[in-house]
């Protein structure tokens, strides 16, 4: 869990996906990709109780200038095993466990040409969230000062609106990063992260020397 990976035992998973590629002869788009995906989970020890479903229908467009755009309709079903407050608000009333929640939303993502010195990416989500609504937007800028440095800034906002008596929240996450290469053996990486959900400012900096 300290690394961000929490193993789940006593689950059976089944999924399927279908993808179709189209390569147009003309126009600004070099490739269309249409995809459908569905994944389901059951608990064998609970008489194969149905617990989760995740699926989407998406279109992805890859442009001739090496940028890309993704539009996706997402379907989620979650059977909460325990009481849960998705806003992590102190003293808030959690959503009751043992209840299934279906929430659907629309997402989009744009990524510019990664080969350029200045690149950008933007994402957005709107739709249902458990028994409420969600609006999210994020973005990042990345600049390479070749051949020795790279600077980036990422910003994410999640607006969660749950009906009373449950809590709502506006969540911000800001992450600047710096990578500097002094030579072929010495590197310096620094990441700063601020989260208003945890009211936490974190700093991770590493100077690496590859002596051999």
N, C-alpha and C. Protein backbone atom coordinates (compact mmCIF):
# COMPACT_ATOMS: atom_id res chain seq x y z
N UNK A 1 0.82 -1.21 0.00
CA UNK A 1 0.00 0.00 0.00
C UNK A 1 0.86 1.26 0.00
N UNK A 2 2.05 1.22 0.60
CA UNK A 2 2.92 2.39 0.63
C UNK A 2 3.36 2.80 -0.77
N UNK A 3 3.37 1.86 -1.70
CA UNK A 3 3.76 2.15 -3.08
C UNK A 3 2.56 2.47 -3.96
N UNK A 4 1.35 2.41 -3.40
CA UNK A 4 0.17 2.71 -4.18
C UNK A 4 -0.50 1.50 -4.79
N UNK A 5 -0.07 0.30 -4.45
CA UNK A 5 -0.67 -0.92 -4.98
C UNK A 5 -1.28 -1.71 -3.82
N UNK A 6 -2.58 -1.93 -3.85
CA UNK A 6 -3.27 -2.67 -2.81
C UNK A 6 -3.82 -3.95 -3.43
N UNK A 7 -3.27 -5.13 -3.08
CA UNK A 7 -3.75 -6.37 -3.68
C UNK A 7 -5.16 -6.71 -3.22
N UNK A 8 -5.97 -7.23 -4.14
CA UNK A 8 -7.32 -7.67 -3.81
C UNK A 8 -7.39 -9.18 -4.01
N UNK A 9 -7.76 -9.87 -2.96
CA UNK A 9 -7.90 -11.32 -3.03
C UNK A 9 -9.38 -11.68 -3.07
N UNK A 10 -9.67 -12.94 -3.41
CA UNK A 10 -11.04 -13.45 -3.46
C UNK A 10 -11.88 -12.69 -4.48
N UNK A 11 -11.31 -12.44 -5.66
CA UNK A 11 -12.05 -11.81 -6.75
C UNK A 11 -11.82 -12.59 -8.03
N UNK A 12 -12.87 -12.74 -8.80
CA UNK A 12 -12.77 -13.30 -10.14
C UNK A 12 -13.08 -12.21 -11.15
N UNK A 13 -12.24 -12.09 -12.15
CA UNK A 13 -12.34 -10.99 -13.11
C UNK A 13 -12.50 -11.54 -14.52
N UNK A 14 -13.39 -10.91 -15.28
CA UNK A 14 -13.56 -11.26 -16.69
C UNK A 14 -13.72 -9.99 -17.49
N UNK A 15 -13.03 -9.90 -18.60
CA UNK A 15 -13.13 -8.70 -19.43
C UNK A 15 -13.01 -9.01 -20.89
N UNK A 16 -13.46 -8.08 -21.71
CA UNK A 16 -13.35 -8.22 -23.15
C UNK A 16 -13.26 -6.82 -23.76
N UNK A 17 -12.63 -6.76 -24.94
CA UNK A 17 -12.47 -5.48 -25.63
C UNK A 17 -12.50 -5.72 -27.13
N UNK A 18 -12.96 -4.72 -27.85
CA UNK A 18 -13.03 -4.76 -29.31
C UNK A 18 -12.54 -3.43 -29.85
N UNK A 19 -11.62 -3.48 -30.79
CA UNK A 19 -11.01 -2.26 -31.33
C UNK A 19 -11.08 -2.28 -32.86
N UNK A 20 -11.37 -1.13 -33.43
CA UNK A 20 -11.41 -0.97 -34.88
C UNK A 20 -10.58 0.24 -35.27
N UNK A 21 -9.65 0.04 -36.20
CA UNK A 21 -8.79 1.11 -36.70
C UNK A 21 -9.21 1.49 -38.11
N UNK A 22 -9.24 2.80 -38.38
CA UNK A 22 -9.54 3.31 -39.71
C UNK A 22 -8.45 4.31 -40.09
N UNK A 23 -7.88 4.14 -41.28
CA UNK A 23 -6.81 5.01 -41.76
C UNK A 23 -7.33 5.80 -42.96
N UNK A 24 -7.77 7.05 -42.76
CA UNK A 24 -8.30 7.84 -43.87
C UNK A 24 -7.21 8.25 -44.86
N UNK A 25 -7.58 8.36 -46.10
CA UNK A 25 -6.63 8.74 -47.13
C UNK A 25 -6.35 10.23 -47.14
N UNK A 26 -7.33 11.03 -46.69
CA UNK A 26 -7.18 12.48 -46.71
C UNK A 26 -7.63 13.07 -45.38
N UNK A 27 -7.32 14.35 -45.20
CA UNK A 27 -7.73 15.05 -43.99
C UNK A 27 -6.63 15.14 -42.96
N UNK A 28 -6.89 15.87 -41.87
CA UNK A 28 -5.84 16.09 -40.85
C UNK A 28 -5.60 14.89 -39.94
N UNK A 29 -6.50 13.91 -39.92
CA UNK A 29 -6.38 12.76 -39.03
C UNK A 29 -5.75 11.59 -39.79
N UNK A 30 -4.70 11.03 -39.20
CA UNK A 30 -4.04 9.89 -39.84
C UNK A 30 -4.64 8.55 -39.42
N UNK A 31 -5.27 8.51 -38.22
CA UNK A 31 -5.86 7.25 -37.77
C UNK A 31 -7.01 7.50 -36.81
N UNK A 32 -8.13 6.81 -37.05
CA UNK A 32 -9.24 6.75 -36.10
C UNK A 32 -9.17 5.42 -35.37
N UNK A 33 -9.45 5.44 -34.07
CA UNK A 33 -9.54 4.19 -33.31
C UNK A 33 -10.83 4.19 -32.51
N UNK A 34 -11.67 3.20 -32.76
CA UNK A 34 -12.91 3.01 -32.02
C UNK A 34 -12.74 1.79 -31.12
N UNK A 35 -13.15 1.92 -29.84
CA UNK A 35 -12.91 0.85 -28.90
C UNK A 35 -14.07 0.70 -27.93
N UNK A 36 -14.42 -0.54 -27.63
CA UNK A 36 -15.37 -0.87 -26.58
C UNK A 36 -14.73 -1.83 -25.62
N UNK A 37 -14.93 -1.62 -24.33
CA UNK A 37 -14.30 -2.45 -23.30
C UNK A 37 -15.28 -2.66 -22.16
N UNK A 38 -15.27 -3.87 -21.58
CA UNK A 38 -16.10 -4.16 -20.41
C UNK A 38 -15.36 -5.16 -19.52
N UNK A 39 -15.27 -4.84 -18.22
CA UNK A 39 -14.62 -5.69 -17.23
C UNK A 39 -15.57 -5.87 -16.05
N UNK A 40 -15.75 -7.12 -15.60
CA UNK A 40 -16.64 -7.45 -14.49
C UNK A 40 -15.88 -8.20 -13.41
N UNK A 41 -16.35 -8.02 -12.15
CA UNK A 41 -15.73 -8.67 -11.00
C UNK A 41 -16.79 -9.38 -10.17
N UNK A 42 -16.42 -10.58 -9.65
CA UNK A 42 -17.27 -11.33 -8.74
C UNK A 42 -16.44 -11.80 -7.54
N UNK A 43 -17.14 -12.13 -6.43
CA UNK A 43 -16.47 -12.68 -5.25
C UNK A 43 -16.88 -14.14 -5.10
N UNK A 44 -15.98 -15.08 -5.39
CA UNK A 44 -16.32 -16.51 -5.28
C UNK A 44 -16.77 -16.93 -3.89
N UNK A 45 -16.14 -16.37 -2.83
CA UNK A 45 -16.47 -16.80 -1.47
C UNK A 45 -17.84 -16.29 -1.02
N UNK A 46 -18.40 -15.32 -1.71
CA UNK A 46 -19.72 -14.77 -1.37
C UNK A 46 -20.76 -15.22 -2.37
N UNK A 47 -20.67 -16.50 -2.78
CA UNK A 47 -21.62 -17.08 -3.73
C UNK A 47 -21.60 -16.31 -5.05
N UNK A 48 -20.39 -15.91 -5.46
CA UNK A 48 -20.16 -15.18 -6.70
C UNK A 48 -21.01 -13.90 -6.79
N UNK A 49 -20.98 -13.16 -5.70
CA UNK A 49 -21.67 -11.88 -5.68
C UNK A 49 -21.02 -10.91 -6.66
N UNK A 50 -21.83 -10.23 -7.47
CA UNK A 50 -21.33 -9.27 -8.45
C UNK A 50 -20.94 -7.98 -7.73
N UNK A 51 -19.70 -7.52 -7.90
CA UNK A 51 -19.20 -6.39 -7.11
C UNK A 51 -18.84 -5.16 -7.93
N UNK A 52 -18.32 -5.34 -9.14
CA UNK A 52 -17.83 -4.19 -9.89
C UNK A 52 -18.02 -4.41 -11.39
N UNK A 53 -18.26 -3.30 -12.08
CA UNK A 53 -18.23 -3.30 -13.54
C UNK A 53 -17.60 -2.00 -14.01
N UNK A 54 -16.72 -2.11 -14.98
CA UNK A 54 -16.08 -0.94 -15.58
C UNK A 54 -16.07 -1.11 -17.09
N UNK A 55 -16.57 -0.12 -17.80
CA UNK A 55 -16.59 -0.22 -19.26
C UNK A 55 -16.60 1.14 -19.91
N UNK A 56 -16.25 1.15 -21.20
CA UNK A 56 -16.31 2.40 -21.94
C UNK A 56 -16.47 2.14 -23.43
N UNK A 57 -16.94 3.19 -24.11
CA UNK A 57 -16.94 3.28 -25.56
C UNK A 57 -16.16 4.54 -25.90
N UNK A 58 -15.18 4.42 -26.79
CA UNK A 58 -14.31 5.57 -27.03
C UNK A 58 -13.98 5.74 -28.50
N UNK A 59 -13.63 6.98 -28.84
CA UNK A 59 -13.04 7.32 -30.13
C UNK A 59 -11.73 8.02 -29.86
N UNK A 60 -10.68 7.62 -30.56
CA UNK A 60 -9.38 8.25 -30.45
C UNK A 60 -8.94 8.69 -31.84
N UNK A 61 -8.56 9.95 -31.94
CA UNK A 61 -8.08 10.49 -33.20
C UNK A 61 -6.62 10.87 -33.10
N UNK A 62 -5.83 10.37 -34.02
CA UNK A 62 -4.39 10.66 -34.06
C UNK A 62 -4.12 11.52 -35.29
N UNK A 63 -3.69 12.75 -35.05
CA UNK A 63 -3.54 13.73 -36.11
C UNK A 63 -2.16 13.64 -36.76
N UNK A 64 -2.08 14.19 -37.96
CA UNK A 64 -0.82 14.15 -38.71
C UNK A 64 0.27 15.01 -38.08
N UNK A 65 -0.12 15.96 -37.23
CA UNK A 65 0.90 16.76 -36.53
C UNK A 65 1.36 16.09 -35.23
N UNK A 66 1.03 14.79 -35.04
CA UNK A 66 1.44 13.96 -33.91
C UNK A 66 0.69 14.28 -32.62
N UNK A 67 -0.37 15.08 -32.67
CA UNK A 67 -1.22 15.29 -31.50
C UNK A 67 -2.34 14.25 -31.51
N UNK A 68 -3.08 14.16 -30.41
CA UNK A 68 -4.15 13.17 -30.32
C UNK A 68 -5.30 13.71 -29.47
N UNK A 69 -6.49 13.19 -29.74
CA UNK A 69 -7.70 13.58 -29.02
C UNK A 69 -8.49 12.32 -28.71
N UNK A 70 -8.97 12.20 -27.46
CA UNK A 70 -9.73 11.03 -27.02
C UNK A 70 -11.07 11.50 -26.45
N UNK A 71 -12.17 10.89 -26.91
CA UNK A 71 -13.51 11.11 -26.36
C UNK A 71 -14.02 9.77 -25.87
N UNK A 72 -14.55 9.73 -24.64
CA UNK A 72 -14.89 8.44 -24.05
C UNK A 72 -16.15 8.55 -23.19
N UNK A 73 -17.07 7.61 -23.37
CA UNK A 73 -18.24 7.46 -22.50
C UNK A 73 -17.97 6.28 -21.57
N UNK A 74 -18.01 6.53 -20.26
CA UNK A 74 -17.58 5.55 -19.27
C UNK A 74 -18.76 5.13 -18.40
N UNK A 75 -18.83 3.83 -18.12
CA UNK A 75 -19.86 3.28 -17.24
C UNK A 75 -19.18 2.57 -16.07
N UNK A 76 -19.64 2.86 -14.85
CA UNK A 76 -19.08 2.24 -13.65
C UNK A 76 -20.19 1.73 -12.75
N UNK A 77 -19.95 0.57 -12.17
CA UNK A 77 -20.81 0.07 -11.09
C UNK A 77 -19.90 -0.41 -9.97
N UNK A 78 -20.20 0.02 -8.74
CA UNK A 78 -19.40 -0.35 -7.58
C UNK A 78 -20.31 -0.75 -6.43
N UNK A 79 -20.08 -1.92 -5.89
CA UNK A 79 -20.76 -2.36 -4.67
C UNK A 79 -19.81 -2.08 -3.51
N UNK A 80 -20.12 -1.07 -2.72
CA UNK A 80 -19.23 -0.70 -1.63
C UNK A 80 -19.23 -1.79 -0.56
N UNK A 81 -18.05 -2.27 -0.21
CA UNK A 81 -17.93 -3.27 0.84
C UNK A 81 -18.05 -2.64 2.22
N UNK A 82 -17.65 -1.37 2.34
CA UNK A 82 -17.66 -0.68 3.63
C UNK A 82 -18.17 0.74 3.41
N UNK A 83 -18.53 1.40 4.52
CA UNK A 83 -18.88 2.82 4.44
C UNK A 83 -17.70 3.60 3.87
N UNK A 84 -18.01 4.61 3.06
CA UNK A 84 -16.93 5.27 2.32
C UNK A 84 -17.30 6.73 2.06
N UNK A 85 -16.38 7.63 2.37
CA UNK A 85 -16.54 9.05 2.05
C UNK A 85 -15.55 9.41 0.96
N UNK A 86 -15.98 9.58 -0.29
CA UNK A 86 -15.04 9.87 -1.38
C UNK A 86 -14.37 11.22 -1.28
N UNK A 87 -14.92 12.15 -0.46
CA UNK A 87 -14.30 13.47 -0.33
C UNK A 87 -13.23 13.50 0.75
N UNK A 88 -13.18 12.49 1.62
CA UNK A 88 -12.24 12.43 2.75
C UNK A 88 -12.39 13.65 3.66
N UNK A 89 -13.61 14.17 3.79
CA UNK A 89 -13.86 15.33 4.63
C UNK A 89 -13.96 14.92 6.09
N UNK A 90 -13.26 15.62 6.97
CA UNK A 90 -13.27 15.28 8.38
C UNK A 90 -14.67 15.43 8.97
N UNK A 91 -15.16 14.36 9.62
CA UNK A 91 -16.46 14.40 10.26
C UNK A 91 -17.64 14.21 9.33
N UNK A 92 -17.39 13.96 8.05
CA UNK A 92 -18.48 13.83 7.09
C UNK A 92 -19.19 12.49 7.24
N UNK A 93 -20.45 12.43 6.83
CA UNK A 93 -21.21 11.19 6.85
C UNK A 93 -20.81 10.37 5.63
N UNK A 94 -20.33 9.14 5.79
CA UNK A 94 -19.90 8.35 4.64
C UNK A 94 -21.09 7.74 3.90
N UNK A 95 -20.87 7.42 2.63
CA UNK A 95 -21.86 6.65 1.89
C UNK A 95 -21.96 5.26 2.51
N UNK A 96 -23.16 4.71 2.63
CA UNK A 96 -23.30 3.43 3.32
C UNK A 96 -22.74 2.27 2.50
N UNK A 97 -22.07 1.35 3.19
CA UNK A 97 -21.57 0.15 2.55
C UNK A 97 -22.69 -0.85 2.31
N UNK A 98 -22.40 -1.84 1.46
CA UNK A 98 -23.40 -2.82 1.10
C UNK A 98 -24.40 -2.34 0.07
N UNK A 99 -24.15 -1.18 -0.54
CA UNK A 99 -25.04 -0.58 -1.53
C UNK A 99 -24.29 -0.48 -2.85
N UNK A 100 -24.99 -0.79 -3.95
CA UNK A 100 -24.39 -0.66 -5.27
C UNK A 100 -24.65 0.70 -5.87
N UNK A 101 -23.62 1.28 -6.49
CA UNK A 101 -23.73 2.61 -7.10
C UNK A 101 -23.35 2.52 -8.58
N UNK A 102 -24.22 3.04 -9.43
CA UNK A 102 -23.96 3.11 -10.87
C UNK A 102 -23.74 4.56 -11.24
N UNK A 103 -22.60 4.85 -11.87
CA UNK A 103 -22.35 6.22 -12.30
C UNK A 103 -21.69 6.22 -13.67
N UNK A 104 -22.22 7.07 -14.53
CA UNK A 104 -21.76 7.22 -15.91
C UNK A 104 -21.22 8.62 -16.12
N UNK A 105 -20.20 8.75 -16.95
CA UNK A 105 -19.65 10.07 -17.24
C UNK A 105 -19.02 10.11 -18.61
N UNK A 106 -18.70 11.31 -19.03
CA UNK A 106 -18.01 11.56 -20.30
C UNK A 106 -16.65 12.15 -19.99
N UNK A 107 -15.63 11.67 -20.68
CA UNK A 107 -14.27 12.17 -20.48
C UNK A 107 -13.66 12.53 -21.83
N UNK A 108 -12.68 13.41 -21.79
CA UNK A 108 -11.93 13.77 -22.99
C UNK A 108 -10.49 14.05 -22.59
N UNK A 109 -9.60 13.89 -23.55
CA UNK A 109 -8.18 14.14 -23.30
C UNK A 109 -7.51 14.57 -24.60
N UNK A 110 -6.66 15.57 -24.50
CA UNK A 110 -5.90 16.07 -25.65
C UNK A 110 -4.43 16.09 -25.28
N UNK A 111 -3.58 15.61 -26.20
CA UNK A 111 -2.14 15.64 -26.02
C UNK A 111 -1.50 16.22 -27.27
N UNK A 112 -0.62 17.19 -27.10
CA UNK A 112 0.04 17.81 -28.23
C UNK A 112 1.21 16.96 -28.70
N UNK A 113 1.90 17.43 -29.72
CA UNK A 113 3.03 16.71 -30.31
C UNK A 113 4.15 16.59 -29.28
N UNK A 114 4.44 15.35 -28.85
CA UNK A 114 5.45 15.11 -27.83
C UNK A 114 6.87 15.35 -28.32
N UNK A 115 7.06 15.48 -29.63
CA UNK A 115 8.40 15.70 -30.15
C UNK A 115 8.85 17.16 -30.05
N UNK A 116 7.92 18.07 -29.77
CA UNK A 116 8.27 19.48 -29.68
C UNK A 116 8.85 19.81 -28.30
N UNK A 117 9.55 20.93 -28.23
CA UNK A 117 10.17 21.34 -26.97
C UNK A 117 9.11 21.72 -25.93
N UNK A 118 8.04 22.36 -26.35
CA UNK A 118 6.95 22.74 -25.46
C UNK A 118 5.74 21.87 -25.79
N UNK A 119 5.28 21.10 -24.81
CA UNK A 119 4.14 20.21 -25.02
C UNK A 119 3.07 20.49 -23.97
N UNK A 120 1.84 20.09 -24.28
CA UNK A 120 0.72 20.33 -23.39
C UNK A 120 -0.25 19.15 -23.44
N UNK A 121 -0.96 18.96 -22.35
CA UNK A 121 -1.99 17.94 -22.30
C UNK A 121 -3.14 18.46 -21.44
N UNK A 122 -4.38 18.11 -21.82
CA UNK A 122 -5.56 18.57 -21.11
C UNK A 122 -6.55 17.41 -21.00
N UNK A 123 -7.22 17.31 -19.85
CA UNK A 123 -8.23 16.28 -19.64
C UNK A 123 -9.45 16.88 -18.97
N UNK A 124 -10.58 16.22 -19.12
CA UNK A 124 -11.81 16.68 -18.47
C UNK A 124 -12.79 15.54 -18.28
N UNK A 125 -13.61 15.64 -17.25
CA UNK A 125 -14.62 14.63 -16.94
C UNK A 125 -15.86 15.34 -16.42
N UNK A 126 -17.04 14.88 -16.85
CA UNK A 126 -18.30 15.40 -16.34
C UNK A 126 -19.29 14.26 -16.29
N UNK A 127 -20.11 14.23 -15.22
CA UNK A 127 -21.11 13.18 -15.13
C UNK A 127 -21.41 12.79 -13.71
N UNK A 128 -21.90 11.56 -13.53
CA UNK A 128 -22.29 11.06 -12.23
C UNK A 128 -21.07 10.59 -11.43
N UNK A 129 -21.25 10.62 -10.10
CA UNK A 129 -20.20 10.13 -9.21
C UNK A 129 -20.89 9.57 -7.98
N UNK A 130 -20.92 8.24 -7.85
CA UNK A 130 -21.70 7.55 -6.81
C UNK A 130 -23.14 8.07 -6.84
N UNK A 131 -23.64 8.72 -5.80
CA UNK A 131 -25.01 9.22 -5.83
C UNK A 131 -25.07 10.72 -6.11
N UNK A 132 -23.97 11.26 -6.64
CA UNK A 132 -23.92 12.69 -6.92
C UNK A 132 -23.36 12.97 -8.30
N UNK A 133 -22.65 14.12 -8.40
CA UNK A 133 -22.11 14.57 -9.67
C UNK A 133 -20.63 14.89 -9.51
N UNK A 134 -19.93 14.87 -10.66
CA UNK A 134 -18.50 15.16 -10.67
C UNK A 134 -18.16 16.01 -11.88
N UNK A 135 -17.31 17.00 -11.67
CA UNK A 135 -16.72 17.80 -12.74
C UNK A 135 -15.23 17.88 -12.47
N UNK A 136 -14.44 17.42 -13.43
CA UNK A 136 -12.99 17.40 -13.25
C UNK A 136 -12.31 17.99 -14.48
N UNK A 137 -11.20 18.65 -14.22
CA UNK A 137 -10.40 19.18 -15.32
C UNK A 137 -8.93 19.13 -14.90
N UNK A 138 -8.08 18.85 -15.85
CA UNK A 138 -6.65 18.78 -15.55
C UNK A 138 -5.84 19.19 -16.76
N UNK A 139 -4.60 19.48 -16.51
CA UNK A 139 -3.73 19.88 -17.60
C UNK A 139 -2.28 19.90 -17.17
N UNK A 140 -1.42 19.91 -18.16
CA UNK A 140 0.00 19.96 -17.87
C UNK A 140 0.77 20.62 -18.99
N UNK A 141 1.83 21.29 -18.61
CA UNK A 141 2.77 21.89 -19.55
C UNK A 141 4.15 21.32 -19.30
N UNK A 142 4.86 21.03 -20.36
CA UNK A 142 6.19 20.45 -20.25
C UNK A 142 7.12 21.15 -21.23
N UNK A 143 8.28 21.58 -20.73
CA UNK A 143 9.26 22.26 -21.59
C UNK A 143 10.62 21.60 -21.44
N UNK A 144 11.20 21.24 -22.58
CA UNK A 144 12.54 20.65 -22.60
C UNK A 144 13.56 21.69 -23.03
N UNK A 145 14.54 21.90 -22.19
CA UNK A 145 15.65 22.79 -22.51
C UNK A 145 16.82 21.89 -22.88
N UNK A 146 16.81 21.47 -24.12
CA UNK A 146 17.78 20.46 -24.56
C UNK A 146 19.20 21.01 -24.54
N UNK A 147 20.16 20.14 -24.19
CA UNK A 147 19.99 18.71 -23.85
C UNK A 147 20.01 18.44 -22.36
N UNK A 148 19.85 19.47 -21.50
CA UNK A 148 20.21 19.23 -20.10
C UNK A 148 19.07 19.41 -19.10
N UNK A 149 17.89 19.88 -19.49
CA UNK A 149 16.86 20.12 -18.48
C UNK A 149 15.46 19.92 -19.05
N UNK A 150 14.54 19.61 -18.13
CA UNK A 150 13.13 19.47 -18.46
C UNK A 150 12.31 19.97 -17.28
N UNK A 151 11.32 20.84 -17.55
CA UNK A 151 10.48 21.43 -16.52
C UNK A 151 9.02 21.15 -16.86
N UNK A 152 8.22 20.81 -15.84
CA UNK A 152 6.81 20.52 -16.09
C UNK A 152 5.97 21.02 -14.93
N UNK A 153 4.69 21.28 -15.23
CA UNK A 153 3.72 21.71 -14.23
C UNK A 153 2.39 21.05 -14.56
N UNK A 154 1.84 20.32 -13.59
CA UNK A 154 0.56 19.65 -13.75
C UNK A 154 -0.43 20.16 -12.71
N UNK A 155 -1.67 20.36 -13.16
CA UNK A 155 -2.73 20.87 -12.29
C UNK A 155 -3.99 20.05 -12.50
N UNK A 156 -4.60 19.59 -11.40
CA UNK A 156 -5.83 18.81 -11.48
C UNK A 156 -6.86 19.34 -10.49
N UNK A 157 -8.11 19.45 -10.96
CA UNK A 157 -9.22 19.89 -10.12
C UNK A 157 -10.36 18.88 -10.23
N UNK A 158 -10.92 18.50 -9.08
CA UNK A 158 -12.08 17.63 -9.02
C UNK A 158 -13.16 18.30 -8.17
N UNK A 159 -14.30 18.57 -8.79
CA UNK A 159 -15.44 19.11 -8.06
C UNK A 159 -16.46 18.00 -7.82
N UNK A 160 -16.63 17.59 -6.57
CA UNK A 160 -17.54 16.50 -6.20
C UNK A 160 -18.75 17.11 -5.48
N UNK A 161 -19.94 16.81 -5.99
CA UNK A 161 -21.18 17.32 -5.41
C UNK A 161 -22.08 16.14 -5.07
N UNK A 162 -22.22 15.88 -3.78
CA UNK A 162 -23.07 14.80 -3.29
C UNK A 162 -24.29 15.41 -2.60
N UNK A 163 -25.44 14.73 -2.66
CA UNK A 163 -26.64 15.27 -2.02
C UNK A 163 -26.51 15.24 -0.50
N UNK A 164 -27.24 16.13 0.17
CA UNK A 164 -27.27 16.13 1.63
C UNK A 164 -27.84 14.80 2.13
N UNK A 165 -27.30 14.30 3.24
CA UNK A 165 -26.39 14.93 4.20
C UNK A 165 -24.92 14.64 3.94
N UNK A 166 -24.57 14.17 2.73
CA UNK A 166 -23.18 13.80 2.44
C UNK A 166 -22.39 15.05 2.02
N UNK A 167 -21.08 14.96 2.18
CA UNK A 167 -20.21 16.12 1.95
C UNK A 167 -19.89 16.28 0.47
N UNK A 168 -19.68 17.53 0.07
CA UNK A 168 -19.16 17.87 -1.25
C UNK A 168 -17.76 18.45 -1.07
N UNK A 169 -17.01 18.55 -2.17
CA UNK A 169 -15.63 19.01 -2.03
C UNK A 169 -15.11 19.55 -3.34
N UNK A 170 -14.15 20.47 -3.23
CA UNK A 170 -13.36 20.97 -4.36
C UNK A 170 -11.91 20.57 -4.09
N UNK A 171 -11.39 19.67 -4.89
CA UNK A 171 -10.08 19.08 -4.65
C UNK A 171 -9.08 19.57 -5.69
N UNK A 172 -7.94 20.07 -5.21
CA UNK A 172 -6.89 20.58 -6.09
C UNK A 172 -5.61 19.78 -5.85
N UNK A 173 -4.91 19.53 -6.95
CA UNK A 173 -3.60 18.87 -6.87
C UNK A 173 -2.67 19.59 -7.84
N UNK A 174 -1.57 20.14 -7.32
CA UNK A 174 -0.60 20.89 -8.12
C UNK A 174 0.74 20.20 -8.01
N UNK A 175 1.38 19.91 -9.17
CA UNK A 175 2.63 19.16 -9.18
C UNK A 175 3.64 19.77 -10.15
N UNK A 176 4.55 20.61 -9.67
CA UNK A 176 5.70 21.03 -10.49
C UNK A 176 6.81 19.97 -10.42
N UNK A 177 7.60 19.88 -11.50
CA UNK A 177 8.70 18.92 -11.54
C UNK A 177 9.86 19.50 -12.34
N UNK A 178 11.09 19.15 -11.92
CA UNK A 178 12.29 19.61 -12.60
C UNK A 178 13.26 18.44 -12.73
N UNK A 179 13.77 18.22 -13.94
CA UNK A 179 14.79 17.20 -14.20
C UNK A 179 15.98 17.87 -14.87
N UNK A 180 17.16 17.74 -14.27
CA UNK A 180 18.37 18.35 -14.80
C UNK A 180 19.44 17.28 -14.99
N UNK A 181 20.05 17.26 -16.15
CA UNK A 181 21.14 16.34 -16.47
C UNK A 181 22.43 17.15 -16.57
N UNK A 182 23.31 17.01 -15.59
CA UNK A 182 24.56 17.76 -15.60
C UNK A 182 25.55 17.17 -16.60
N UNK A 183 25.58 15.84 -16.64
CA UNK A 183 26.42 15.14 -17.61
C UNK A 183 25.86 13.71 -17.72
N UNK A 184 26.63 12.80 -18.29
CA UNK A 184 26.13 11.44 -18.51
C UNK A 184 26.05 10.61 -17.23
N UNK A 185 26.55 11.16 -16.11
CA UNK A 185 26.56 10.39 -14.86
C UNK A 185 25.86 11.06 -13.69
N UNK A 186 25.57 12.34 -13.78
CA UNK A 186 25.00 13.08 -12.65
C UNK A 186 23.65 13.67 -13.06
N UNK A 187 22.60 13.35 -12.27
CA UNK A 187 21.24 13.79 -12.58
C UNK A 187 20.59 14.32 -11.30
N UNK A 188 19.71 15.32 -11.47
CA UNK A 188 18.99 15.90 -10.34
C UNK A 188 17.51 16.00 -10.70
N UNK A 189 16.67 15.39 -9.86
CA UNK A 189 15.22 15.41 -10.07
C UNK A 189 14.54 15.95 -8.82
N UNK A 190 13.61 16.89 -9.00
CA UNK A 190 12.86 17.47 -7.89
C UNK A 190 11.38 17.51 -8.24
N UNK A 191 10.54 17.01 -7.33
CA UNK A 191 9.09 17.02 -7.51
C UNK A 191 8.47 17.69 -6.28
N UNK A 192 7.60 18.66 -6.53
CA UNK A 192 6.84 19.31 -5.46
C UNK A 192 5.36 19.01 -5.71
N UNK A 193 4.63 18.67 -4.66
CA UNK A 193 3.22 18.34 -4.82
C UNK A 193 2.41 18.95 -3.68
N UNK A 194 1.32 19.64 -4.05
CA UNK A 194 0.41 20.20 -3.05
C UNK A 194 -0.98 19.64 -3.27
N UNK A 195 -1.61 19.14 -2.19
CA UNK A 195 -2.98 18.62 -2.22
C UNK A 195 -3.77 19.30 -1.12
N UNK A 196 -4.87 19.98 -1.50
CA UNK A 196 -5.70 20.61 -0.46
C UNK A 196 -6.59 19.58 0.24
N UNK A 197 -6.77 18.39 -0.37
CA UNK A 197 -7.56 17.35 0.28
C UNK A 197 -6.87 16.87 1.55
N UNK A 198 -5.56 16.70 1.47
CA UNK A 198 -4.79 16.29 2.65
C UNK A 198 -4.12 17.48 3.34
N UNK A 199 -4.30 18.69 2.78
CA UNK A 199 -3.64 19.89 3.31
C UNK A 199 -2.15 19.61 3.49
N UNK A 200 -1.55 19.13 2.39
CA UNK A 200 -0.19 18.63 2.47
C UNK A 200 0.66 19.20 1.33
N UNK A 201 1.86 19.63 1.68
CA UNK A 201 2.85 20.07 0.70
C UNK A 201 4.04 19.12 0.79
N UNK A 202 4.31 18.39 -0.31
CA UNK A 202 5.38 17.41 -0.30
C UNK A 202 6.51 17.79 -1.24
N UNK A 203 7.72 17.45 -0.85
CA UNK A 203 8.91 17.73 -1.65
C UNK A 203 9.76 16.47 -1.72
N UNK A 204 10.11 16.09 -2.96
CA UNK A 204 10.99 14.94 -3.16
C UNK A 204 12.08 15.38 -4.12
N UNK A 205 13.32 15.35 -3.66
CA UNK A 205 14.44 15.75 -4.51
C UNK A 205 15.54 14.70 -4.42
N UNK A 206 16.13 14.38 -5.57
CA UNK A 206 17.12 13.31 -5.62
C UNK A 206 18.28 13.72 -6.53
N UNK A 207 19.48 13.61 -6.02
CA UNK A 207 20.70 13.81 -6.81
C UNK A 207 21.31 12.45 -7.02
N UNK A 208 21.41 12.03 -8.27
CA UNK A 208 21.86 10.68 -8.61
C UNK A 208 23.20 10.73 -9.34
N UNK A 209 24.13 9.90 -8.85
CA UNK A 209 25.44 9.78 -9.48
C UNK A 209 25.62 8.31 -9.91
N UNK A 210 25.68 8.11 -11.19
CA UNK A 210 25.94 6.76 -11.73
C UNK A 210 27.45 6.60 -11.89
N UNK A 211 28.06 6.08 -10.84
CA UNK A 211 29.52 6.03 -10.82
C UNK A 211 30.08 4.94 -11.72
N UNK A 212 29.24 3.98 -12.14
CA UNK A 212 29.74 2.89 -12.99
C UNK A 212 28.67 2.48 -13.98
